[in-house]
């Protein structure tokens, strides 16, 4: 059974930090590109950050310089370090695993991030 389990969300004040974690099981983790998406109420789901098998990273313009994605293949975990948080970052954040050449895609259940004073 494939599972992606996110954790680390919560309520934080503007300017604060959170570190999201996603632990994968049931897949050959090191073979997958990983990503973090987010979806705010009434908005489309958007890609926030991604990291390839070779650890190449990419970020949405709105989070560049504030968020950092990383992976620990030994522990089947991908992280999203979120600094200098803004109210606009409020959303449900989803972990995603992709092996594009084999059309394999998996999603986590999401974790809520709320940035508010």
C-alpha atoms as a PDB file:
ATOM      1  CA  UNK A   1       0.000   0.000   0.000  1.00  0.00           C
ATOM      2  CA  UNK A   2       1.444   3.341  -1.098  1.00  0.00           C
ATOM      3  CA  UNK A   3       1.216   6.100   1.471  1.00  0.00           C
ATOM      4  CA  UNK A   4       2.447   9.687   1.602  1.00  0.00           C
ATOM      5  CA  UNK A   5       1.889  11.133   5.069  1.00  0.00           C
ATOM      6  CA  UNK A   6       2.377  14.853   5.650  1.00  0.00           C
ATOM      7  CA  UNK A   7       2.950  16.507   9.000  1.00  0.00           C
ATOM      8  CA  UNK A   8       4.133  19.806  10.435  1.00  0.00           C
ATOM      9  CA  UNK A   9       1.285  22.116   9.534  1.00  0.00           C
ATOM     10  CA  UNK A  10      -0.332  24.472  11.986  1.00  0.00           C
ATOM     11  CA  UNK A  11      -1.047  28.068  12.893  1.00  0.00           C
ATOM     12  CA  UNK A  12       1.815  30.548  12.702  1.00  0.00           C
ATOM     13  CA  UNK A  13       2.096  34.335  12.784  1.00  0.00           C
ATOM     14  CA  UNK A  14       3.263  36.322   9.756  1.00  0.00           C
ATOM     15  CA  UNK A  15       7.048  36.219   9.550  1.00  0.00           C
ATOM     16  CA  UNK A  16       7.205  32.875  11.296  1.00  0.00           C
ATOM     17  CA  UNK A  17       8.454  29.497  10.102  1.00  0.00           C
ATOM     18  CA  UNK A  18       7.188  25.955   9.685  1.00  0.00           C
ATOM     19  CA  UNK A  19       8.814  22.758   8.459  1.00  0.00           C
ATOM     20  CA  UNK A  20       6.575  20.305   6.648  1.00  0.00           C
ATOM     21  CA  UNK A  21       7.520  16.641   6.362  1.00  0.00           C
ATOM     22  CA  UNK A  22       6.235  13.925   4.050  1.00  0.00           C
ATOM     23  CA  UNK A  23       7.113  10.308   4.754  1.00  0.00           C
ATOM     24  CA  UNK A  24       6.586   7.875   1.883  1.00  0.00           C
ATOM     25  CA  UNK A  25       6.067   4.139   2.106  1.00  0.00           C
ATOM     26  CA  UNK A  26       5.332   1.468  -0.477  1.00  0.00           C
ATOM     27  CA  UNK A  27       7.384   3.091  -3.257  1.00  0.00           C
ATOM     28  CA  UNK A  28      11.014   3.102  -4.356  1.00  0.00           C
ATOM     29  CA  UNK A  29      11.381   6.610  -3.002  1.00  0.00           C
ATOM     30  CA  UNK A  30      14.743   7.450  -4.572  1.00  0.00           C
ATOM     31  CA  UNK A  31      13.325   6.812  -8.065  1.00  0.00           C
ATOM     32  CA  UNK A  32      10.637   9.499  -7.746  1.00  0.00           C
ATOM     33  CA  UNK A  33      10.627  13.224  -8.213  1.00  0.00           C
ATOM     34  CA  UNK A  34       8.882  14.856  -5.264  1.00  0.00           C
ATOM     35  CA  UNK A  35       6.881  18.026  -4.933  1.00  0.00           C
ATOM     36  CA  UNK A  36       4.808  20.171  -2.644  1.00  0.00           C
ATOM     37  CA  UNK A  37       1.530  21.645  -3.860  1.00  0.00           C
ATOM     38  CA  UNK A  38      -0.888  23.901  -2.058  1.00  0.00           C
ATOM     39  CA  UNK A  39      -4.534  24.803  -2.419  1.00  0.00           C
ATOM     40  CA  UNK A  40      -6.298  27.682  -0.714  1.00  0.00           C
ATOM     41  CA  UNK A  41     -10.097  27.875  -0.412  1.00  0.00           C
ATOM     42  CA  UNK A  42     -11.601  28.905  -3.731  1.00  0.00           C
ATOM     43  CA  UNK A  43      -8.247  28.664  -5.509  1.00  0.00           C
ATOM     44  CA  UNK A  44      -6.646  26.176  -7.884  1.00  0.00           C
ATOM     45  CA  UNK A  45      -4.012  23.778  -6.637  1.00  0.00           C
ATOM     46  CA  UNK A  46      -0.548  25.087  -7.467  1.00  0.00           C
ATOM     47  CA  UNK A  47       2.952  23.640  -7.457  1.00  0.00           C
ATOM     48  CA  UNK A  48       5.041  25.303  -4.766  1.00  0.00           C
ATOM     49  CA  UNK A  49       8.332  23.413  -4.969  1.00  0.00           C
ATOM     50  CA  UNK A  50       9.790  20.312  -6.593  1.00  0.00           C
ATOM     51  CA  UNK A  51      12.935  18.222  -6.313  1.00  0.00           C
ATOM     52  CA  UNK A  52      14.190  15.650  -8.801  1.00  0.00           C
ATOM     53  CA  UNK A  53      15.943  12.339  -8.288  1.00  0.00           C
ATOM     54  CA  UNK A  54      19.179  14.265  -8.806  1.00  0.00           C
ATOM     55  CA  UNK A  55      18.151  16.883  -6.216  1.00  0.00           C
ATOM     56  CA  UNK A  56      17.567  19.660  -8.710  1.00  0.00           C
ATOM     57  CA  UNK A  57      15.023  22.052  -7.179  1.00  0.00           C
ATOM     58  CA  UNK A  58      12.484  24.474  -8.557  1.00  0.00           C
ATOM     59  CA  UNK A  59      10.140  26.936  -6.855  1.00  0.00           C
ATOM     60  CA  UNK A  60       7.107  29.026  -7.598  1.00  0.00           C
ATOM     61  CA  UNK A  61       8.019  32.691  -7.947  1.00  0.00           C
ATOM     62  CA  UNK A  62       5.850  33.537  -4.950  1.00  0.00           C
ATOM     63  CA  UNK A  63       7.999  31.470  -2.566  1.00  0.00           C
ATOM     64  CA  UNK A  64      11.518  31.842  -3.985  1.00  0.00           C
ATOM     65  CA  UNK A  65      13.945  32.893  -1.303  1.00  0.00           C
ATOM     66  CA  UNK A  66      11.547  31.889   1.481  1.00  0.00           C
ATOM     67  CA  UNK A  67      10.899  28.150   1.015  1.00  0.00           C
ATOM     68  CA  UNK A  68      13.395  25.296   0.672  1.00  0.00           C
ATOM     69  CA  UNK A  69      12.601  21.763  -0.475  1.00  0.00           C
ATOM     70  CA  UNK A  70      14.920  18.884   0.399  1.00  0.00           C
ATOM     71  CA  UNK A  71      14.857  15.102   0.512  1.00  0.00           C
ATOM     72  CA  UNK A  72      16.337  12.379   2.674  1.00  0.00           C
ATOM     73  CA  UNK A  73      16.291   9.197   0.626  1.00  0.00           C
ATOM     74  CA  UNK A  74      17.548   7.072   3.516  1.00  0.00           C
ATOM     75  CA  UNK A  75      14.386   7.926   5.452  1.00  0.00           C
ATOM     76  CA  UNK A  76      11.988   8.205   2.489  1.00  0.00           C
ATOM     77  CA  UNK A  77      11.185  11.775   3.484  1.00  0.00           C
ATOM     78  CA  UNK A  78      10.780  15.075   1.657  1.00  0.00           C
ATOM     79  CA  UNK A  79      10.726  18.364   3.557  1.00  0.00           C
ATOM     80  CA  UNK A  80       9.499  21.876   2.924  1.00  0.00           C
ATOM     81  CA  UNK A  81      11.134  24.517   5.095  1.00  0.00           C
ATOM     82  CA  UNK A  82       8.897  27.589   5.084  1.00  0.00           C
ATOM     83  CA  UNK A  83      10.364  30.862   6.356  1.00  0.00           C
ATOM     84  CA  UNK A  84       9.083  34.442   6.381  1.00  0.00           C
ATOM     85  CA  UNK A  85       5.544  33.177   6.082  1.00  0.00           C
ATOM     86  CA  UNK A  86       2.830  35.473   4.769  1.00  0.00           C
ATOM     87  CA  UNK A  87      -0.960  35.307   5.091  1.00  0.00           C
ATOM     88  CA  UNK A  88      -1.040  34.496   1.364  1.00  0.00           C
ATOM     89  CA  UNK A  89       0.728  31.209   2.155  1.00  0.00           C
ATOM     90  CA  UNK A  90      -2.360  29.963   3.999  1.00  0.00           C
ATOM     91  CA  UNK A  91      -3.477  26.753   2.287  1.00  0.00           C
ATOM     92  CA  UNK A  92      -3.634  23.004   2.511  1.00  0.00           C
ATOM     93  CA  UNK A  93      -0.232  21.644   1.494  1.00  0.00           C
ATOM     94  CA  UNK A  94       0.008  18.321  -0.351  1.00  0.00           C
ATOM     95  CA  UNK A  95       2.962  16.017  -0.899  1.00  0.00           C
ATOM     96  CA  UNK A  96       3.312  14.522  -4.392  1.00  0.00           C
ATOM     97  CA  UNK A  97       5.465  11.727  -5.831  1.00  0.00           C
ATOM     98  CA  UNK A  98       6.010  11.319  -9.574  1.00  0.00           C
ATOM     99  CA  UNK A  99       7.757   8.794 -11.812  1.00  0.00           C
ATOM    100  CA  UNK A 100       6.850  10.416 -15.102  1.00  0.00           C
ATOM    101  CA  UNK A 101       8.161   7.841 -17.564  1.00  0.00           C
ATOM    102  CA  UNK A 102       6.015   5.177 -15.902  1.00  0.00           C
ATOM    103  CA  UNK A 103       2.981   7.432 -15.304  1.00  0.00           C
ATOM    104  CA  UNK A 104       3.135   6.812 -11.570  1.00  0.00           C
ATOM    105  CA  UNK A 105       1.705   9.569  -9.381  1.00  0.00           C
ATOM    106  CA  UNK A 106       0.793   9.573  -5.705  1.00  0.00           C
ATOM    107  CA  UNK A 107      -0.648  12.190  -3.345  1.00  0.00           C
ATOM    108  CA  UNK A 108      -0.682  12.699   0.376  1.00  0.00           C
ATOM    109  CA  UNK A 109      -3.768  13.659   2.363  1.00  0.00           C
ATOM    110  CA  UNK A 110      -2.649  17.231   2.980  1.00  0.00           C
ATOM    111  CA  UNK A 111      -1.696  19.298   6.004  1.00  0.00           C
ATOM    112  CA  UNK A 112      -3.179  22.691   6.858  1.00  0.00           C
ATOM    113  CA  UNK A 113      -0.990  25.779   7.132  1.00  0.00           C
ATOM    114  CA  UNK A 114      -2.593  28.947   8.477  1.00  0.00           C
ATOM    115  CA  UNK A 115      -0.631  32.209   8.661  1.00  0.00           C
ATOM    116  CA  UNK A 116      -2.483  34.766  10.743  1.00  0.00           C
ATOM    117  CA  UNK A 117      -1.973  37.212  13.569  1.00  0.00           C
END
